């Protein structure tokens, strides 16, 4: 501000107050106001415009606002921190405990459905393999990977002597078998009390 002889003291004070008026606490700058409309990852705080196609922002739970979005890679890293691995001779089992949002407590599987399976990171052998997945264990998750090159018979049950262990009282000690015959897979019940059922996803013709 230039001071001229004609300026009165009231004019000087008024101009000074206008030029040095501080921002109120919590007031955003124009640039911040524009950025506030961006979708931001709640883990790394990266914005949508910085995301790669294979590392997009997703909504894995019921959270809203600034906690709604998370990068696929950030979710993968978080899932890995929850993973436990049991290395069996024929079957490798992967356990994830409480795969749910720590804020809204919604199981990720309830919101993401089958997409969660594709995001979970677990190793598969280079040879032929079979994957069995728990379907009613949310928010926990269990995936069993059978290495089919290790034999023609795999035991499933509650016993520690089985290849695929299921910690459920309704499961018999040796409940059933997965067998390979003529390059085909068969699941055979071992006379278990509650039997062994196969979930049919596609229409099946009954003769």
N, C-alpha and C. Protein backbone atom coordinates (compact mmCIF):
# COMPACT_ATOMS: atom_id res chain seq x y z
N UNK A 1 0.85 -1.19 0.00
CA UNK A 1 0.00 0.00 0.00
C UNK A 1 0.88 1.24 0.00
N UNK A 2 0.53 2.21 -0.84
CA UNK A 2 1.27 3.47 -0.90
C UNK A 2 0.57 4.49 -0.01
N UNK A 3 1.32 5.17 0.81
CA UNK A 3 0.76 6.18 1.70
C UNK A 3 0.93 7.55 1.05
N UNK A 4 -0.15 8.22 0.86
CA UNK A 4 -0.14 9.59 0.34
C UNK A 4 -0.55 10.53 1.46
N UNK A 5 -0.28 11.81 1.22
CA UNK A 5 -0.62 12.80 2.23
C UNK A 5 -2.10 12.84 2.52
N UNK A 6 -2.91 12.43 1.53
CA UNK A 6 -4.35 12.52 1.71
C UNK A 6 -4.96 11.39 2.51
N UNK A 7 -4.18 10.35 2.85
CA UNK A 7 -4.70 9.22 3.60
C UNK A 7 -4.96 9.61 5.04
N UNK A 8 -6.14 9.28 5.53
CA UNK A 8 -6.45 9.48 6.94
C UNK A 8 -6.05 8.24 7.71
N UNK A 9 -5.96 8.34 9.06
CA UNK A 9 -5.57 7.22 9.90
C UNK A 9 -6.60 6.09 9.79
N UNK A 10 -7.89 6.39 9.68
CA UNK A 10 -8.93 5.37 9.58
C UNK A 10 -8.80 4.59 8.28
N UNK A 11 -8.44 5.26 7.18
CA UNK A 11 -8.26 4.60 5.90
C UNK A 11 -7.05 3.65 5.95
N UNK A 12 -5.97 4.11 6.61
CA UNK A 12 -4.77 3.30 6.71
C UNK A 12 -5.05 2.03 7.50
N UNK A 13 -5.75 2.15 8.64
CA UNK A 13 -6.07 0.99 9.46
C UNK A 13 -6.98 0.02 8.73
N UNK A 14 -7.94 0.54 7.96
CA UNK A 14 -8.89 -0.31 7.25
C UNK A 14 -8.19 -1.12 6.17
N UNK A 15 -7.30 -0.50 5.41
CA UNK A 15 -6.58 -1.19 4.35
C UNK A 15 -5.64 -2.23 4.94
N UNK A 16 -4.95 -1.87 6.03
CA UNK A 16 -4.02 -2.80 6.65
C UNK A 16 -4.74 -4.05 7.15
N UNK A 17 -5.91 -3.85 7.76
CA UNK A 17 -6.68 -4.99 8.27
C UNK A 17 -7.13 -5.89 7.14
N UNK A 18 -7.47 -5.30 6.00
CA UNK A 18 -7.93 -6.09 4.86
C UNK A 18 -6.79 -6.91 4.27
N UNK A 19 -5.59 -6.34 4.18
CA UNK A 19 -4.46 -7.00 3.55
C UNK A 19 -3.85 -8.10 4.43
N UNK A 20 -3.96 -7.98 5.74
CA UNK A 20 -3.30 -8.93 6.64
C UNK A 20 -4.29 -9.84 7.35
N UNK A 21 -5.55 -9.89 6.88
CA UNK A 21 -6.57 -10.70 7.54
C UNK A 21 -6.16 -12.17 7.50
N UNK A 22 -5.99 -12.81 8.68
CA UNK A 22 -5.58 -14.23 8.70
C UNK A 22 -6.72 -15.15 8.33
N UNK A 23 -6.39 -16.37 7.84
CA UNK A 23 -7.40 -17.36 7.53
C UNK A 23 -7.91 -17.96 8.83
N UNK A 24 -9.19 -18.25 8.86
CA UNK A 24 -9.77 -18.90 10.02
C UNK A 24 -9.21 -20.30 10.16
N UNK A 25 -9.19 -20.78 11.38
CA UNK A 25 -8.68 -22.12 11.64
C UNK A 25 -9.52 -23.15 10.88
N UNK A 26 -8.85 -24.05 10.12
CA UNK A 26 -9.57 -25.08 9.38
C UNK A 26 -9.98 -24.64 7.98
N UNK A 27 -9.76 -23.36 7.65
CA UNK A 27 -10.14 -22.86 6.32
C UNK A 27 -9.17 -23.38 5.28
N UNK A 28 -9.69 -23.89 4.17
CA UNK A 28 -8.86 -24.46 3.13
C UNK A 28 -8.53 -23.41 2.09
N UNK A 29 -7.36 -23.56 1.49
CA UNK A 29 -7.01 -22.70 0.37
C UNK A 29 -7.81 -23.12 -0.85
N UNK A 30 -7.79 -22.28 -1.88
CA UNK A 30 -8.54 -22.62 -3.10
C UNK A 30 -8.04 -23.94 -3.67
N UNK A 31 -6.71 -24.14 -3.66
CA UNK A 31 -6.13 -25.36 -4.20
C UNK A 31 -6.56 -26.57 -3.38
N UNK A 32 -6.57 -26.42 -2.04
CA UNK A 32 -6.98 -27.53 -1.18
C UNK A 32 -8.44 -27.85 -1.38
N UNK A 33 -9.25 -26.82 -1.61
CA UNK A 33 -10.67 -27.06 -1.84
C UNK A 33 -10.88 -27.89 -3.09
N UNK A 34 -10.07 -27.63 -4.12
CA UNK A 34 -10.18 -28.42 -5.34
C UNK A 34 -9.74 -29.85 -5.10
N UNK A 35 -8.66 -30.03 -4.31
CA UNK A 35 -8.14 -31.37 -4.05
C UNK A 35 -9.08 -32.18 -3.17
N UNK A 36 -9.90 -31.49 -2.35
CA UNK A 36 -10.78 -32.21 -1.43
C UNK A 36 -11.82 -33.03 -2.16
N UNK A 37 -12.09 -32.69 -3.43
CA UNK A 37 -13.06 -33.45 -4.19
C UNK A 37 -12.49 -34.72 -4.79
N UNK A 38 -11.18 -34.93 -4.67
CA UNK A 38 -10.53 -36.10 -5.22
C UNK A 38 -10.75 -37.32 -4.33
N UNK A 39 -10.80 -38.50 -4.96
CA UNK A 39 -10.84 -39.75 -4.19
C UNK A 39 -9.42 -40.08 -3.74
N UNK A 40 -9.25 -40.34 -2.46
CA UNK A 40 -7.94 -40.53 -1.87
C UNK A 40 -7.87 -41.88 -1.15
N UNK A 41 -6.75 -42.59 -1.31
CA UNK A 41 -6.52 -43.85 -0.62
C UNK A 41 -6.31 -43.58 0.86
N UNK A 42 -7.03 -44.28 1.71
CA UNK A 42 -6.93 -44.04 3.14
C UNK A 42 -5.65 -44.62 3.76
N UNK A 43 -4.89 -45.41 3.00
CA UNK A 43 -3.65 -45.97 3.50
C UNK A 43 -2.45 -45.11 3.10
N UNK A 44 -2.24 -44.93 1.80
CA UNK A 44 -1.07 -44.19 1.33
C UNK A 44 -1.37 -42.72 1.03
N UNK A 45 -2.66 -42.34 1.08
CA UNK A 45 -3.12 -40.97 0.81
C UNK A 45 -2.90 -40.54 -0.64
N UNK A 46 -2.61 -41.52 -1.52
CA UNK A 46 -2.48 -41.22 -2.95
C UNK A 46 -3.84 -40.93 -3.56
N UNK A 47 -3.86 -40.05 -4.54
CA UNK A 47 -5.12 -39.65 -5.17
C UNK A 47 -5.42 -40.52 -6.39
N UNK A 48 -6.65 -40.41 -6.84
CA UNK A 48 -7.11 -41.23 -7.97
C UNK A 48 -6.30 -40.95 -9.22
N UNK A 49 -5.94 -39.68 -9.43
CA UNK A 49 -5.21 -39.32 -10.65
C UNK A 49 -3.80 -39.92 -10.67
N UNK A 50 -3.30 -40.34 -9.49
CA UNK A 50 -1.97 -40.95 -9.43
C UNK A 50 -2.02 -42.47 -9.56
N UNK A 51 -3.23 -43.06 -9.62
CA UNK A 51 -3.38 -44.51 -9.63
C UNK A 51 -3.14 -45.09 -11.02
N UNK A 52 -2.59 -46.30 -11.05
CA UNK A 52 -2.42 -47.05 -12.29
C UNK A 52 -3.65 -47.93 -12.51
N UNK A 53 -3.92 -48.35 -13.76
CA UNK A 53 -5.10 -49.18 -14.04
C UNK A 53 -5.13 -50.46 -13.21
N UNK A 54 -3.96 -51.07 -12.98
CA UNK A 54 -3.92 -52.31 -12.20
C UNK A 54 -3.90 -52.05 -10.70
N UNK A 55 -3.85 -50.78 -10.31
CA UNK A 55 -3.82 -50.41 -8.89
C UNK A 55 -4.87 -49.34 -8.62
N UNK A 56 -6.09 -49.62 -9.04
CA UNK A 56 -7.17 -48.64 -8.93
C UNK A 56 -7.65 -48.48 -7.49
N UNK A 57 -8.41 -47.42 -7.26
CA UNK A 57 -9.04 -47.21 -5.97
C UNK A 57 -10.36 -47.98 -5.93
N UNK A 58 -10.58 -48.74 -4.85
CA UNK A 58 -11.79 -49.54 -4.71
C UNK A 58 -12.43 -49.25 -3.36
N UNK A 59 -13.69 -49.70 -3.21
CA UNK A 59 -14.42 -49.55 -1.96
C UNK A 59 -14.66 -50.95 -1.38
N UNK A 60 -13.79 -51.43 -0.48
CA UNK A 60 -13.88 -52.82 -0.01
C UNK A 60 -14.83 -53.02 1.17
N UNK A 61 -15.39 -51.93 1.71
CA UNK A 61 -16.23 -52.06 2.90
C UNK A 61 -17.37 -51.05 2.84
N UNK A 62 -17.95 -50.71 3.99
CA UNK A 62 -19.09 -49.79 4.04
C UNK A 62 -18.71 -48.41 4.53
N UNK A 63 -17.42 -48.15 4.67
CA UNK A 63 -16.97 -46.83 5.11
C UNK A 63 -17.32 -45.78 4.06
N UNK A 64 -17.49 -44.55 4.51
CA UNK A 64 -17.83 -43.45 3.61
C UNK A 64 -16.84 -42.30 3.82
N UNK A 65 -17.00 -41.26 3.02
CA UNK A 65 -16.15 -40.09 3.16
C UNK A 65 -14.72 -40.36 2.78
N UNK A 66 -13.78 -39.78 3.54
CA UNK A 66 -12.35 -39.90 3.23
C UNK A 66 -11.82 -41.30 3.50
N UNK A 67 -12.58 -42.15 4.21
CA UNK A 67 -12.12 -43.50 4.52
C UNK A 67 -12.71 -44.54 3.57
N UNK A 68 -13.38 -44.10 2.52
CA UNK A 68 -14.11 -45.02 1.65
C UNK A 68 -13.21 -45.81 0.72
N UNK A 69 -12.13 -45.18 0.22
CA UNK A 69 -11.35 -45.78 -0.86
C UNK A 69 -9.99 -46.30 -0.40
N UNK A 70 -9.50 -47.31 -1.11
CA UNK A 70 -8.18 -47.87 -0.85
C UNK A 70 -7.64 -48.45 -2.15
N UNK A 71 -6.33 -48.31 -2.37
CA UNK A 71 -5.70 -48.89 -3.55
C UNK A 71 -5.69 -50.41 -3.46
N UNK A 72 -5.76 -51.07 -4.60
CA UNK A 72 -5.69 -52.54 -4.64
C UNK A 72 -4.39 -53.01 -4.01
N UNK A 73 -3.26 -52.39 -4.37
CA UNK A 73 -1.97 -52.82 -3.83
C UNK A 73 -1.88 -52.58 -2.33
N UNK A 74 -2.47 -51.50 -1.85
CA UNK A 74 -2.46 -51.22 -0.40
C UNK A 74 -3.29 -52.27 0.33
N UNK A 75 -4.41 -52.67 -0.27
CA UNK A 75 -5.22 -53.72 0.35
C UNK A 75 -4.48 -55.05 0.34
N UNK A 76 -3.77 -55.35 -0.76
CA UNK A 76 -2.97 -56.58 -0.83
C UNK A 76 -1.94 -56.63 0.28
N UNK A 77 -1.25 -55.51 0.49
CA UNK A 77 -0.22 -55.46 1.53
C UNK A 77 -0.85 -55.66 2.91
N UNK A 78 -2.02 -55.08 3.12
CA UNK A 78 -2.70 -55.24 4.41
C UNK A 78 -3.14 -56.68 4.61
N UNK A 79 -3.65 -57.32 3.54
CA UNK A 79 -4.06 -58.72 3.63
C UNK A 79 -2.87 -59.62 3.94
N UNK A 80 -1.71 -59.32 3.35
CA UNK A 80 -0.51 -60.13 3.60
C UNK A 80 -0.10 -60.06 5.07
N UNK A 81 -0.35 -58.93 5.71
CA UNK A 81 0.01 -58.79 7.12
C UNK A 81 -0.88 -59.65 8.01
N UNK A 82 -2.01 -60.10 7.49
CA UNK A 82 -2.95 -60.93 8.26
C UNK A 82 -2.82 -62.41 7.92
N UNK A 83 -1.89 -62.77 7.05
CA UNK A 83 -1.82 -64.14 6.51
C UNK A 83 -0.93 -65.04 7.34
N UNK A 84 -1.41 -66.27 7.57
CA UNK A 84 -0.62 -67.33 8.18
C UNK A 84 -0.53 -68.48 7.19
N UNK A 85 0.60 -69.17 7.15
CA UNK A 85 0.81 -70.23 6.17
C UNK A 85 1.18 -71.53 6.89
N UNK A 86 0.50 -72.62 6.50
CA UNK A 86 0.85 -73.95 6.99
C UNK A 86 1.38 -74.76 5.81
N UNK A 87 2.64 -75.17 5.88
CA UNK A 87 3.27 -75.90 4.78
C UNK A 87 3.17 -77.40 5.03
N UNK A 88 2.21 -78.04 4.39
CA UNK A 88 2.09 -79.49 4.45
C UNK A 88 2.89 -80.15 3.34
N UNK A 89 3.04 -81.46 3.43
CA UNK A 89 3.80 -82.18 2.41
C UNK A 89 3.10 -82.15 1.05
N UNK A 90 1.78 -82.26 1.05
CA UNK A 90 1.02 -82.28 -0.19
C UNK A 90 0.14 -81.05 -0.39
N UNK A 91 -0.24 -80.43 0.71
CA UNK A 91 -1.17 -79.29 0.66
C UNK A 91 -0.60 -78.12 1.45
N UNK A 92 -0.62 -76.95 0.85
CA UNK A 92 -0.22 -75.73 1.56
C UNK A 92 -1.48 -74.93 1.86
N UNK A 93 -1.66 -74.57 3.13
CA UNK A 93 -2.87 -73.87 3.55
C UNK A 93 -2.56 -72.44 3.96
N UNK A 94 -3.41 -71.53 3.56
CA UNK A 94 -3.25 -70.11 3.86
C UNK A 94 -4.46 -69.65 4.68
N UNK A 95 -4.18 -68.99 5.80
CA UNK A 95 -5.23 -68.55 6.71
C UNK A 95 -5.18 -67.03 6.85
N UNK A 96 -6.33 -66.40 6.72
CA UNK A 96 -6.47 -64.97 7.00
C UNK A 96 -7.52 -64.81 8.10
N UNK A 97 -7.17 -64.19 9.19
CA UNK A 97 -8.09 -64.02 10.31
C UNK A 97 -8.71 -62.63 10.27
N UNK A 98 -10.03 -62.59 10.44
CA UNK A 98 -10.76 -61.31 10.53
C UNK A 98 -10.48 -60.39 9.35
N UNK A 99 -10.82 -60.85 8.15
CA UNK A 99 -10.68 -60.00 6.96
C UNK A 99 -11.86 -59.05 6.91
N UNK A 100 -11.83 -58.09 7.79
CA UNK A 100 -12.90 -57.11 7.89
C UNK A 100 -12.30 -55.74 8.11
N UNK A 101 -13.08 -54.72 7.81
CA UNK A 101 -12.63 -53.34 8.01
C UNK A 101 -12.49 -53.09 9.52
N UNK A 102 -11.37 -52.50 9.92
CA UNK A 102 -11.15 -52.23 11.33
C UNK A 102 -12.01 -51.07 11.83
N UNK A 103 -12.65 -50.35 10.91
CA UNK A 103 -13.48 -49.21 11.30
C UNK A 103 -14.96 -49.57 11.33
N UNK A 104 -15.50 -50.02 10.17
CA UNK A 104 -16.94 -50.33 10.11
C UNK A 104 -17.24 -51.79 10.41
N UNK A 105 -16.20 -52.64 10.51
CA UNK A 105 -16.32 -54.06 10.85
C UNK A 105 -17.03 -54.89 9.79
N UNK A 106 -17.21 -54.35 8.59
CA UNK A 106 -17.86 -55.11 7.52
C UNK A 106 -16.85 -56.08 6.91
N UNK A 107 -17.19 -57.38 6.82
CA UNK A 107 -16.28 -58.34 6.16
C UNK A 107 -16.05 -57.93 4.71
N UNK A 108 -14.80 -57.89 4.27
CA UNK A 108 -14.50 -57.51 2.89
C UNK A 108 -15.21 -58.42 1.89
N UNK A 109 -15.32 -59.70 2.23
CA UNK A 109 -15.92 -60.66 1.30
C UNK A 109 -17.39 -60.35 1.03
N UNK A 110 -18.10 -59.78 2.02
CA UNK A 110 -19.51 -59.45 1.84
C UNK A 110 -19.71 -58.36 0.80
N UNK A 111 -18.73 -57.46 0.71
CA UNK A 111 -18.84 -56.34 -0.24
C UNK A 111 -18.18 -56.67 -1.57
N UNK A 112 -17.01 -57.30 -1.52
CA UNK A 112 -16.23 -57.54 -2.73
C UNK A 112 -16.57 -58.85 -3.43
N UNK A 113 -17.24 -59.76 -2.72
CA UNK A 113 -17.63 -61.06 -3.29
C UNK A 113 -16.40 -61.79 -3.83
N UNK A 114 -16.49 -62.29 -5.05
CA UNK A 114 -15.42 -63.09 -5.62
C UNK A 114 -14.16 -62.32 -5.93
N UNK A 115 -14.24 -61.00 -5.98
CA UNK A 115 -13.07 -60.21 -6.31
C UNK A 115 -12.01 -60.27 -5.21
N UNK A 116 -12.44 -60.50 -3.97
CA UNK A 116 -11.48 -60.60 -2.88
C UNK A 116 -10.52 -61.76 -3.11
N UNK A 117 -11.03 -62.87 -3.65
CA UNK A 117 -10.19 -64.05 -3.90
C UNK A 117 -9.06 -63.71 -4.86
N UNK A 118 -9.34 -62.88 -5.87
CA UNK A 118 -8.32 -62.52 -6.84
C UNK A 118 -7.27 -61.58 -6.26
N UNK A 119 -7.63 -60.85 -5.21
CA UNK A 119 -6.70 -59.90 -4.60
C UNK A 119 -5.81 -60.58 -3.58
N UNK A 120 -6.30 -61.64 -2.93
CA UNK A 120 -5.50 -62.35 -1.93
C UNK A 120 -4.25 -62.95 -2.58
N UNK A 121 -3.14 -62.85 -1.89
CA UNK A 121 -1.86 -63.30 -2.44
C UNK A 121 -1.46 -64.62 -1.80
N UNK A 122 -1.38 -65.68 -2.61
CA UNK A 122 -0.90 -66.97 -2.12
C UNK A 122 -0.19 -67.69 -3.27
N UNK A 123 0.77 -68.55 -2.89
CA UNK A 123 1.61 -69.20 -3.89
C UNK A 123 0.95 -70.49 -4.40
N UNK A 124 1.14 -70.75 -5.69
CA UNK A 124 0.68 -71.99 -6.31
C UNK A 124 1.89 -72.70 -6.93
N UNK A 125 1.90 -74.04 -6.90
CA UNK A 125 3.04 -74.77 -7.48
C UNK A 125 3.08 -74.63 -8.99
N UNK A 126 4.24 -74.90 -9.55
CA UNK A 126 4.38 -74.81 -11.00
C UNK A 126 3.71 -75.95 -11.73
N UNK A 127 3.50 -77.08 -11.02
CA UNK A 127 2.82 -78.23 -11.63
C UNK A 127 1.30 -78.09 -11.48
N UNK A 128 0.58 -79.15 -11.83
CA UNK A 128 -0.88 -79.14 -11.68
C UNK A 128 -1.26 -78.98 -10.21
N UNK A 129 -2.32 -78.22 -9.97
CA UNK A 129 -2.75 -77.99 -8.59
C UNK A 129 -4.26 -77.83 -8.52
N UNK A 130 -4.78 -77.98 -7.32
CA UNK A 130 -6.20 -77.83 -7.03
C UNK A 130 -6.34 -76.85 -5.87
N UNK A 131 -7.29 -75.92 -5.97
CA UNK A 131 -7.53 -74.94 -4.90
C UNK A 131 -8.90 -75.20 -4.29
N UNK A 132 -8.94 -75.32 -2.97
CA UNK A 132 -10.19 -75.40 -2.23
C UNK A 132 -10.28 -74.18 -1.33
N UNK A 133 -11.43 -73.54 -1.35
CA UNK A 133 -11.62 -72.28 -0.63
C UNK A 133 -12.80 -72.38 0.32
N UNK A 134 -12.64 -71.85 1.53
CA UNK A 134 -13.78 -71.79 2.44
C UNK A 134 -14.78 -70.75 1.93
N UNK A 135 -16.06 -71.08 2.02
CA UNK A 135 -17.08 -70.17 1.48
C UNK A 135 -17.99 -69.60 2.55
N UNK A 136 -17.91 -70.12 3.78
CA UNK A 136 -18.79 -69.63 4.85
C UNK A 136 -18.00 -69.37 6.13
N UNK A 137 -16.83 -68.80 5.98
CA UNK A 137 -16.00 -68.55 7.16
C UNK A 137 -15.78 -67.07 7.44
N UNK A 138 -16.49 -66.19 6.71
CA UNK A 138 -16.30 -64.75 6.87
C UNK A 138 -16.52 -64.35 8.33
N UNK A 139 -15.69 -63.42 8.87
CA UNK A 139 -14.68 -62.63 8.15
C UNK A 139 -13.32 -63.33 7.97
N UNK A 140 -13.18 -64.56 8.52
CA UNK A 140 -11.92 -65.28 8.29
C UNK A 140 -11.93 -65.89 6.89
N UNK A 141 -10.76 -66.34 6.43
CA UNK A 141 -10.66 -66.92 5.11
C UNK A 141 -9.59 -68.00 5.12
N UNK A 142 -9.89 -69.12 4.46
CA UNK A 142 -8.94 -70.22 4.36
C UNK A 142 -8.89 -70.69 2.91
N UNK A 143 -7.68 -70.85 2.39
CA UNK A 143 -7.47 -71.36 1.04
C UNK A 143 -6.46 -72.50 1.13
N UNK A 144 -6.81 -73.66 0.55
CA UNK A 144 -5.92 -74.83 0.53
C UNK A 144 -5.48 -75.08 -0.91
N UNK A 145 -4.18 -75.20 -1.12
CA UNK A 145 -3.63 -75.44 -2.45
C UNK A 145 -3.01 -76.84 -2.48
N UNK A 146 -3.61 -77.73 -3.27
CA UNK A 146 -3.15 -79.11 -3.41
C UNK A 146 -2.12 -79.19 -4.53
N UNK A 147 -0.97 -79.74 -4.24
CA UNK A 147 0.04 -80.00 -5.28
C UNK A 147 -0.22 -81.40 -5.82
N UNK A 148 -0.86 -81.48 -6.98
CA UNK A 148 -1.31 -82.77 -7.52
C UNK A 148 -0.16 -83.66 -7.99
N UNK A 149 1.04 -83.11 -8.05
CA UNK A 149 2.19 -83.93 -8.43
C UNK A 149 2.75 -84.73 -7.24
N UNK A 150 2.20 -84.49 -6.05
CA UNK A 150 2.71 -85.15 -4.85
C UNK A 150 2.04 -86.50 -4.56
N UNK A 151 1.08 -86.90 -5.37
CA UNK A 151 0.44 -88.19 -5.12
C UNK A 151 -0.91 -88.28 -5.79
N UNK A 152 -1.55 -89.45 -5.68
CA UNK A 152 -2.87 -89.68 -6.28
C UNK A 152 -3.99 -89.69 -5.25
N UNK A 153 -3.65 -89.50 -3.98
CA UNK A 153 -4.67 -89.51 -2.93
C UNK A 153 -4.35 -88.45 -1.87
N UNK A 154 -5.38 -87.69 -1.51
CA UNK A 154 -5.24 -86.64 -0.51
C UNK A 154 -6.36 -86.81 0.52
N UNK A 155 -5.99 -86.80 1.80
CA UNK A 155 -6.97 -87.00 2.87
C UNK A 155 -7.44 -85.66 3.42
N UNK A 156 -8.75 -85.56 3.65
CA UNK A 156 -9.36 -84.35 4.18
C UNK A 156 -10.06 -84.69 5.49
N UNK A 157 -9.85 -83.90 6.52
CA UNK A 157 -10.53 -84.15 7.79
C UNK A 157 -10.01 -83.30 8.92
N UNK A 158 -10.42 -83.67 10.14
CA UNK A 158 -10.05 -82.91 11.33
C UNK A 158 -8.74 -83.39 11.95
N UNK A 159 -8.31 -84.58 11.61
CA UNK A 159 -7.11 -85.17 12.22
C UNK A 159 -5.84 -84.45 11.76
N UNK A 160 -4.83 -84.46 12.62
CA UNK A 160 -3.53 -83.86 12.26
C UNK A 160 -2.82 -84.69 11.20
N UNK A 161 -3.29 -85.91 10.98
CA UNK A 161 -2.66 -86.79 10.00
C UNK A 161 -3.20 -86.59 8.58
N UNK A 162 -4.18 -85.71 8.42
CA UNK A 162 -4.76 -85.47 7.09
C UNK A 162 -3.91 -84.46 6.32
N UNK A 163 -4.11 -84.44 5.02
CA UNK A 163 -3.38 -83.47 4.18
C UNK A 163 -4.03 -82.09 4.23
N UNK A 164 -5.36 -82.06 4.21
CA UNK A 164 -6.10 -80.81 4.33
C UNK A 164 -6.88 -80.86 5.64
N UNK A 165 -6.51 -80.01 6.58
CA UNK A 165 -7.10 -80.03 7.92
C UNK A 165 -8.21 -78.99 8.04
N UNK A 166 -9.35 -79.42 8.61
CA UNK A 166 -10.49 -78.54 8.82
C UNK A 166 -10.84 -78.56 10.30
N UNK A 167 -10.69 -77.44 10.97
CA UNK A 167 -10.94 -77.34 12.40
C UNK A 167 -12.43 -77.08 12.65
N UNK A 168 -13.23 -78.14 12.47
CA UNK A 168 -14.68 -78.04 12.66
C UNK A 168 -15.16 -79.34 13.28
N UNK A 169 -15.92 -79.24 14.38
CA UNK A 169 -16.37 -80.43 15.09
C UNK A 169 -17.29 -81.30 14.26
N UNK A 170 -17.95 -80.71 13.26
CA UNK A 170 -18.86 -81.48 12.41
C UNK A 170 -18.11 -82.30 11.36
N UNK A 171 -16.80 -82.07 11.24
CA UNK A 171 -15.97 -82.79 10.27
C UNK A 171 -15.32 -83.98 10.97
N UNK A 172 -15.40 -85.16 10.33
CA UNK A 172 -14.80 -86.38 10.90
C UNK A 172 -13.28 -86.31 10.84
N UNK A 173 -12.63 -87.20 11.61
CA UNK A 173 -11.16 -87.19 11.65
C UNK A 173 -10.57 -87.40 10.26
N UNK A 174 -11.05 -88.40 9.54
CA UNK A 174 -10.73 -88.56 8.12
C UNK A 174 -12.07 -88.54 7.40
N UNK A 175 -12.44 -87.41 6.92
CA UNK A 175 -13.79 -87.17 6.43
C UNK A 175 -13.99 -87.66 5.00
N UNK A 176 -13.03 -87.35 4.13
CA UNK A 176 -13.17 -87.71 2.71
C UNK A 176 -11.80 -87.73 2.05
N UNK A 177 -11.82 -88.12 0.78
CA UNK A 177 -10.58 -88.22 0.00
C UNK A 177 -10.73 -87.47 -1.32
N UNK A 178 -9.64 -86.90 -1.78
CA UNK A 178 -9.53 -86.43 -3.16
C UNK A 178 -8.59 -87.39 -3.86
N UNK A 179 -9.09 -88.07 -4.90
CA UNK A 179 -8.29 -89.07 -5.60
C UNK A 179 -8.19 -88.73 -7.09
N UNK A 180 -7.06 -89.12 -7.68
CA UNK A 180 -6.84 -88.91 -9.11
C UNK A 180 -6.85 -90.27 -9.79
N UNK A 181 -7.75 -90.42 -10.74
CA UNK A 181 -7.81 -91.65 -11.53
C UNK A 181 -7.98 -91.29 -12.99
N UNK A 182 -7.13 -91.84 -13.84
CA UNK A 182 -7.21 -91.60 -15.28
C UNK A 182 -7.27 -90.10 -15.61
N UNK A 183 -6.41 -89.34 -14.90
CA UNK A 183 -6.33 -87.89 -15.12
C UNK A 183 -7.62 -87.15 -14.78
N UNK A 184 -8.42 -87.73 -13.91
CA UNK A 184 -9.66 -87.08 -13.45
C UNK A 184 -9.66 -87.02 -11.93
N UNK A 185 -10.27 -85.97 -11.39
CA UNK A 185 -10.34 -85.78 -9.95
C UNK A 185 -11.67 -86.31 -9.42
N UNK A 186 -11.60 -87.01 -8.31
CA UNK A 186 -12.80 -87.53 -7.65
C UNK A 186 -12.76 -87.15 -6.17
N UNK A 187 -13.90 -86.78 -5.62
CA UNK A 187 -14.04 -86.55 -4.19
C UNK A 187 -14.91 -87.67 -3.63
N UNK A 188 -14.38 -88.43 -2.68
CA UNK A 188 -15.08 -89.60 -2.14
C UNK A 188 -15.27 -89.45 -0.64
N UNK A 189 -16.50 -89.65 -0.18
CA UNK A 189 -16.79 -89.61 1.24
C UNK A 189 -16.23 -90.85 1.93
N UNK A 190 -15.81 -90.70 3.19
CA UNK A 190 -15.22 -91.80 3.94
C UNK A 190 -16.18 -92.30 5.02
N UNK A 191 -17.47 -92.29 4.71
CA UNK A 191 -18.47 -92.72 5.68
C UNK A 191 -18.64 -91.74 6.82
N UNK A 192 -18.41 -90.46 6.57
CA UNK A 192 -18.53 -89.44 7.60
C UNK A 192 -19.97 -89.29 8.06
N UNK A 193 -20.14 -88.90 9.32
CA UNK A 193 -21.47 -88.79 9.91
C UNK A 193 -22.35 -87.81 9.15
N UNK A 194 -21.80 -86.68 8.74
CA UNK A 194 -22.58 -85.66 8.05
C UNK A 194 -22.38 -85.70 6.54
N UNK A 195 -21.63 -86.70 6.06
CA UNK A 195 -21.47 -86.87 4.63
C UNK A 195 -20.61 -85.79 3.98
N UNK A 196 -20.44 -85.93 2.68
CA UNK A 196 -19.68 -84.97 1.88
C UNK A 196 -20.56 -84.51 0.74
N UNK A 197 -20.83 -83.23 0.69
CA UNK A 197 -21.73 -82.67 -0.32
C UNK A 197 -20.93 -81.85 -1.33
N UNK A 198 -21.41 -81.83 -2.54
CA UNK A 198 -20.80 -81.03 -3.60
C UNK A 198 -21.75 -79.91 -3.98
N UNK A 199 -21.28 -78.69 -3.90
CA UNK A 199 -22.10 -77.54 -4.25
C UNK A 199 -22.16 -77.40 -5.77
N UNK A 200 -23.36 -77.46 -6.32
CA UNK A 200 -23.54 -77.36 -7.78
C UNK A 200 -23.86 -75.91 -8.13
N UNK A 201 -23.01 -75.31 -8.94
CA UNK A 201 -23.19 -73.90 -9.32
C UNK A 201 -23.92 -73.75 -10.65
N UNK A 202 -23.81 -74.75 -11.52
CA UNK A 202 -24.44 -74.70 -12.85
C UNK A 202 -25.58 -75.71 -12.92
N UNK A 203 -26.52 -75.50 -13.80
CA UNK A 203 -27.63 -76.47 -13.97
C UNK A 203 -27.10 -77.89 -14.23
N UNK A 204 -27.73 -78.85 -13.61
CA UNK A 204 -27.29 -80.25 -13.72
C UNK A 204 -28.48 -81.11 -14.12
N UNK A 205 -28.34 -81.82 -15.23
CA UNK A 205 -29.44 -82.65 -15.73
C UNK A 205 -29.56 -83.95 -14.93
N UNK A 206 -30.75 -84.21 -14.41
CA UNK A 206 -31.00 -85.43 -13.65
C UNK A 206 -31.69 -86.43 -14.57
N UNK A 207 -31.09 -87.58 -14.73
CA UNK A 207 -31.63 -88.60 -15.62
C UNK A 207 -32.76 -89.33 -14.93
